[in-house]
N, C-alpha and C. Protein backbone atom coordinates (compact mmCIF):
# COMPACT_ATOMS: atom_id res chain seq x y z
N MET A 1 178.79 -100.17 42.01
CA MET A 1 178.56 -101.07 42.09
C MET A 1 179.91 -102.58 42.16
N ALA A 2 180.92 -101.75 41.57
CA ALA A 2 181.99 -102.43 41.60
C ALA A 2 183.06 -102.63 43.27
N ARG A 3 182.43 -101.10 43.99
CA ARG A 3 183.55 -101.56 44.75
C ARG A 3 182.27 -101.64 46.10
N LEU A 4 181.31 -102.38 46.16
CA LEU A 4 180.67 -102.72 46.94
C LEU A 4 181.21 -103.34 47.59
N ASP A 5 181.80 -104.51 47.94
CA ASP A 5 182.25 -105.81 48.73
C ASP A 5 183.18 -105.00 49.69
N SER A 6 184.25 -103.82 49.11
CA SER A 6 185.79 -102.79 49.71
C SER A 6 184.38 -102.14 50.70
N LEU A 7 183.27 -101.82 50.28
CA LEU A 7 182.72 -101.22 51.75
C LEU A 7 182.07 -102.19 52.73
N ARG A 8 182.31 -102.88 52.87
CA ARG A 8 181.58 -103.82 53.50
C ARG A 8 181.90 -103.81 54.83
N SER A 9 181.21 -103.79 56.16
CA SER A 9 182.38 -104.34 57.35
C SER A 9 182.73 -105.46 57.84
N GLU A 10 183.95 -105.14 58.85
CA GLU A 10 185.06 -106.60 58.62
C GLU A 10 183.32 -107.78 59.59
N ASN A 11 183.29 -106.32 60.23
CA ASN A 11 182.86 -106.82 61.62
C ASN A 11 180.92 -107.08 61.34
N ARG A 12 181.15 -108.02 62.58
CA ARG A 12 180.19 -108.70 62.53
C ARG A 12 179.24 -108.36 63.88
N LEU A 13 177.90 -109.43 63.90
CA LEU A 13 177.19 -109.56 64.99
C LEU A 13 177.52 -110.66 65.95
N GLU A 14 178.44 -110.52 67.13
CA GLU A 14 178.17 -111.42 67.66
C GLU A 14 177.54 -112.47 68.26
N SER A 15 176.05 -112.13 68.52
CA SER A 15 175.10 -112.88 69.11
C SER A 15 173.91 -111.87 69.03
N LEU A 16 172.75 -112.23 68.78
CA LEU A 16 171.56 -111.82 69.22
C LEU A 16 171.59 -110.89 70.45
N LEU A 17 171.88 -111.45 71.55
CA LEU A 17 171.78 -110.19 72.36
C LEU A 17 173.37 -109.86 72.89
N SER A 18 174.29 -109.87 71.94
CA SER A 18 175.05 -108.69 72.34
C SER A 18 174.86 -107.31 72.41
N ARG A 19 175.43 -106.20 72.21
CA ARG A 19 175.01 -104.55 73.02
C ARG A 19 174.67 -104.35 71.40
N GLU A 20 175.78 -104.41 70.34
CA GLU A 20 174.81 -103.86 68.60
C GLU A 20 173.63 -104.75 67.74
N SER A 21 173.42 -105.89 68.82
CA SER A 21 172.17 -106.42 68.48
C SER A 21 171.07 -105.18 69.11
N SER A 22 171.52 -105.04 70.10
CA SER A 22 169.61 -105.02 71.29
C SER A 22 170.37 -103.51 69.97
N PHE A 23 170.71 -102.54 69.76
CA PHE A 23 171.20 -100.98 69.84
C PHE A 23 170.84 -101.69 68.08
N LEU A 24 170.47 -101.91 67.24
CA LEU A 24 170.13 -102.64 65.77
C LEU A 24 168.41 -102.67 65.90
N PHE A 25 168.64 -103.52 66.83
CA PHE A 25 166.81 -103.34 67.19
C PHE A 25 166.06 -102.69 67.72
N ASN A 26 166.80 -101.35 68.41
CA ASN A 26 165.44 -100.65 69.44
C ASN A 26 165.91 -99.49 67.62
N ASN A 27 167.40 -99.30 66.82
CA ASN A 27 166.71 -98.35 66.09
C ASN A 27 165.45 -98.64 64.88
N LEU A 28 165.74 -100.47 64.43
CA LEU A 28 164.62 -100.64 64.19
C LEU A 28 163.32 -100.48 64.15
N ILE A 29 162.98 -101.04 65.75
CA ILE A 29 161.69 -100.61 66.13
C ILE A 29 161.74 -98.79 65.90
N LEU A 30 162.62 -97.80 66.40
CA LEU A 30 161.75 -96.54 66.33
C LEU A 30 161.74 -96.09 64.83
N VAL A 31 162.45 -96.76 64.03
CA VAL A 31 162.00 -96.67 62.46
C VAL A 31 160.44 -96.68 61.90
N GLY A 32 160.83 -98.42 62.71
CA GLY A 32 158.66 -98.88 62.58
C GLY A 32 157.95 -98.40 63.44
N ILE A 33 158.40 -97.38 64.13
CA ILE A 33 157.31 -96.29 64.68
C ILE A 33 156.87 -94.72 64.68
N ALA A 34 158.10 -94.48 63.39
CA ALA A 34 157.71 -93.19 62.88
C ALA A 34 157.65 -93.59 61.79
N LEU A 35 157.40 -94.58 61.14
CA LEU A 35 157.25 -95.36 59.87
C LEU A 35 155.38 -95.28 59.40
N THR A 36 154.62 -95.87 61.18
CA THR A 36 153.77 -96.04 61.62
C THR A 36 152.54 -94.45 61.74
N VAL A 37 153.39 -93.78 62.23
CA VAL A 37 153.11 -92.74 62.91
C VAL A 37 152.82 -91.24 61.82
N LEU A 38 153.99 -92.17 60.93
CA LEU A 38 153.72 -90.83 58.82
C LEU A 38 152.68 -91.94 58.21
N PHE A 39 152.37 -93.20 58.52
CA PHE A 39 151.15 -93.58 57.43
C PHE A 39 149.98 -93.00 58.60
N LEU A 40 149.70 -92.80 59.85
CA LEU A 40 148.25 -92.97 60.48
C LEU A 40 148.24 -91.45 60.36
N THR A 41 149.21 -90.74 60.14
CA THR A 41 148.91 -89.05 59.73
C THR A 41 148.94 -88.53 58.28
N THR A 42 149.69 -89.69 57.99
CA THR A 42 149.28 -88.80 55.83
C THR A 42 147.98 -89.92 55.46
N PHE A 43 147.34 -90.95 55.59
CA PHE A 43 145.79 -91.41 55.72
C PHE A 43 145.04 -91.19 55.55
N PRO A 44 144.27 -90.12 56.32
CA PRO A 44 143.21 -89.35 56.14
C PRO A 44 143.25 -88.38 54.99
N LEU A 45 144.20 -88.10 54.35
CA LEU A 45 144.55 -86.92 52.78
C LEU A 45 144.52 -87.93 52.07
N LEU A 46 145.47 -89.17 51.98
CA LEU A 46 145.24 -90.25 51.72
C LEU A 46 143.95 -90.84 51.13
N SER A 47 143.71 -91.09 51.63
CA SER A 47 141.55 -91.28 52.35
C SER A 47 141.00 -90.54 50.83
N GLU A 48 141.04 -89.09 52.11
CA GLU A 48 139.78 -88.76 51.33
C GLU A 48 140.10 -88.47 49.76
N ALA A 49 141.58 -88.32 49.45
CA ALA A 49 141.81 -88.05 47.37
C ALA A 49 140.90 -89.18 47.26
N ALA A 50 141.19 -90.18 47.28
CA ALA A 50 140.89 -91.55 47.46
C ALA A 50 139.23 -92.00 46.82
N THR A 51 139.15 -91.13 48.07
CA THR A 51 137.43 -91.77 48.13
C THR A 51 136.29 -90.25 48.22
N GLY A 52 137.21 -89.29 48.16
CA GLY A 52 136.02 -88.44 48.82
C GLY A 52 135.76 -87.77 49.39
N ARG A 53 135.95 -88.98 51.10
CA ARG A 53 135.03 -89.04 52.23
C ARG A 53 136.63 -88.85 53.31
N LYS A 54 135.75 -88.24 54.30
CA LYS A 54 136.34 -87.08 55.58
C LYS A 54 137.00 -88.83 56.44
N VAL A 55 138.11 -88.91 57.02
CA VAL A 55 138.25 -89.39 57.84
C VAL A 55 139.03 -89.18 58.59
N THR A 56 139.00 -89.71 60.04
CA THR A 56 139.49 -88.94 60.90
C THR A 56 140.56 -89.77 62.15
N MET A 57 141.84 -89.58 62.75
CA MET A 57 142.69 -90.57 63.07
C MET A 57 142.86 -89.21 64.03
N GLY A 58 142.42 -90.42 65.42
CA GLY A 58 142.41 -89.50 66.75
C GLY A 58 143.80 -90.73 67.21
N PRO A 59 144.14 -90.12 68.81
CA PRO A 59 145.34 -89.89 69.64
C PRO A 59 144.57 -91.59 69.90
N PRO A 60 143.10 -92.24 70.19
CA PRO A 60 142.83 -93.96 70.48
C PRO A 60 143.70 -94.06 69.41
N ILE A 61 143.75 -94.69 69.09
CA ILE A 61 144.80 -94.86 67.39
C ILE A 61 146.53 -95.60 67.52
N PHE A 62 146.95 -94.45 67.68
CA PHE A 62 148.26 -94.07 67.73
C PHE A 62 148.55 -94.42 68.61
N ASN A 63 147.80 -94.70 70.46
CA ASN A 63 148.15 -95.39 71.14
C ASN A 63 147.97 -96.42 71.14
N MET A 64 146.55 -96.94 70.13
CA MET A 64 146.31 -98.51 70.58
C MET A 64 148.10 -98.92 68.90
N VAL A 65 148.41 -99.01 68.51
CA VAL A 65 149.23 -99.17 67.87
C VAL A 65 150.63 -99.19 68.24
N ASN A 66 151.08 -97.44 68.55
CA ASN A 66 152.49 -97.58 69.28
C ASN A 66 152.88 -97.51 70.88
N ILE A 67 151.99 -98.32 71.50
CA ILE A 67 152.05 -98.88 73.08
C ILE A 67 152.59 -100.16 72.56
N PRO A 68 152.77 -101.13 72.18
CA PRO A 68 152.86 -102.61 71.56
C PRO A 68 154.27 -101.83 71.12
N TRP A 69 154.20 -101.35 70.37
CA TRP A 69 155.86 -100.50 70.18
C TRP A 69 156.57 -100.68 71.13
N ALA A 70 155.88 -99.21 71.84
CA ALA A 70 156.60 -98.91 73.23
C ALA A 70 157.17 -100.31 73.85
N LEU A 71 156.95 -100.89 74.37
CA LEU A 71 156.74 -101.91 75.38
C LEU A 71 157.67 -103.33 74.47
N VAL A 72 157.58 -103.38 73.59
CA VAL A 72 158.71 -104.12 72.66
C VAL A 72 160.02 -103.24 73.07
N LEU A 73 160.52 -101.69 73.09
CA LEU A 73 161.71 -100.72 72.84
C LEU A 73 161.87 -101.15 74.75
N LEU A 74 161.49 -101.06 75.45
CA LEU A 74 161.72 -100.85 76.79
C LEU A 74 162.48 -102.23 76.84
N ALA A 75 161.51 -103.34 76.99
CA ALA A 75 162.09 -104.38 76.95
C ALA A 75 163.18 -104.85 76.84
N LEU A 76 163.61 -104.20 75.64
CA LEU A 76 165.10 -104.10 74.25
C LEU A 76 166.02 -102.99 75.09
N ALA A 77 165.78 -101.74 75.49
CA ALA A 77 166.55 -101.49 76.12
C ALA A 77 167.48 -101.28 77.99
N GLY A 78 166.26 -102.09 77.85
CA GLY A 78 167.01 -103.15 79.56
C GLY A 78 167.20 -103.80 79.18
N SER A 79 167.49 -104.82 78.46
CA SER A 79 168.34 -105.94 78.45
C SER A 79 169.35 -105.35 77.60
N ALA A 80 170.03 -104.91 77.57
CA ALA A 80 171.02 -104.01 76.64
C ALA A 80 172.03 -104.72 77.97
N ARG A 81 173.37 -105.42 77.09
CA ARG A 81 174.38 -105.27 78.49
C ARG A 81 175.07 -104.63 78.18
């Protein structure tokens, strides 16, 4: 904790429309997609353990959740300068 200030980068994001910020947002969206896939994959196991009833998650739920994220990712990738 004592060296935390010395580990910080001196560089800052210039603007929300810079190339670095678009890479940051792309990475955050990819992490969000990965977390939703992880949650939707493990949800049936957790639900069955908690309630005893079997729940299935098919491709439609993955498409419903990930297609909007993918469109935002595509828009951000296209807007990178």
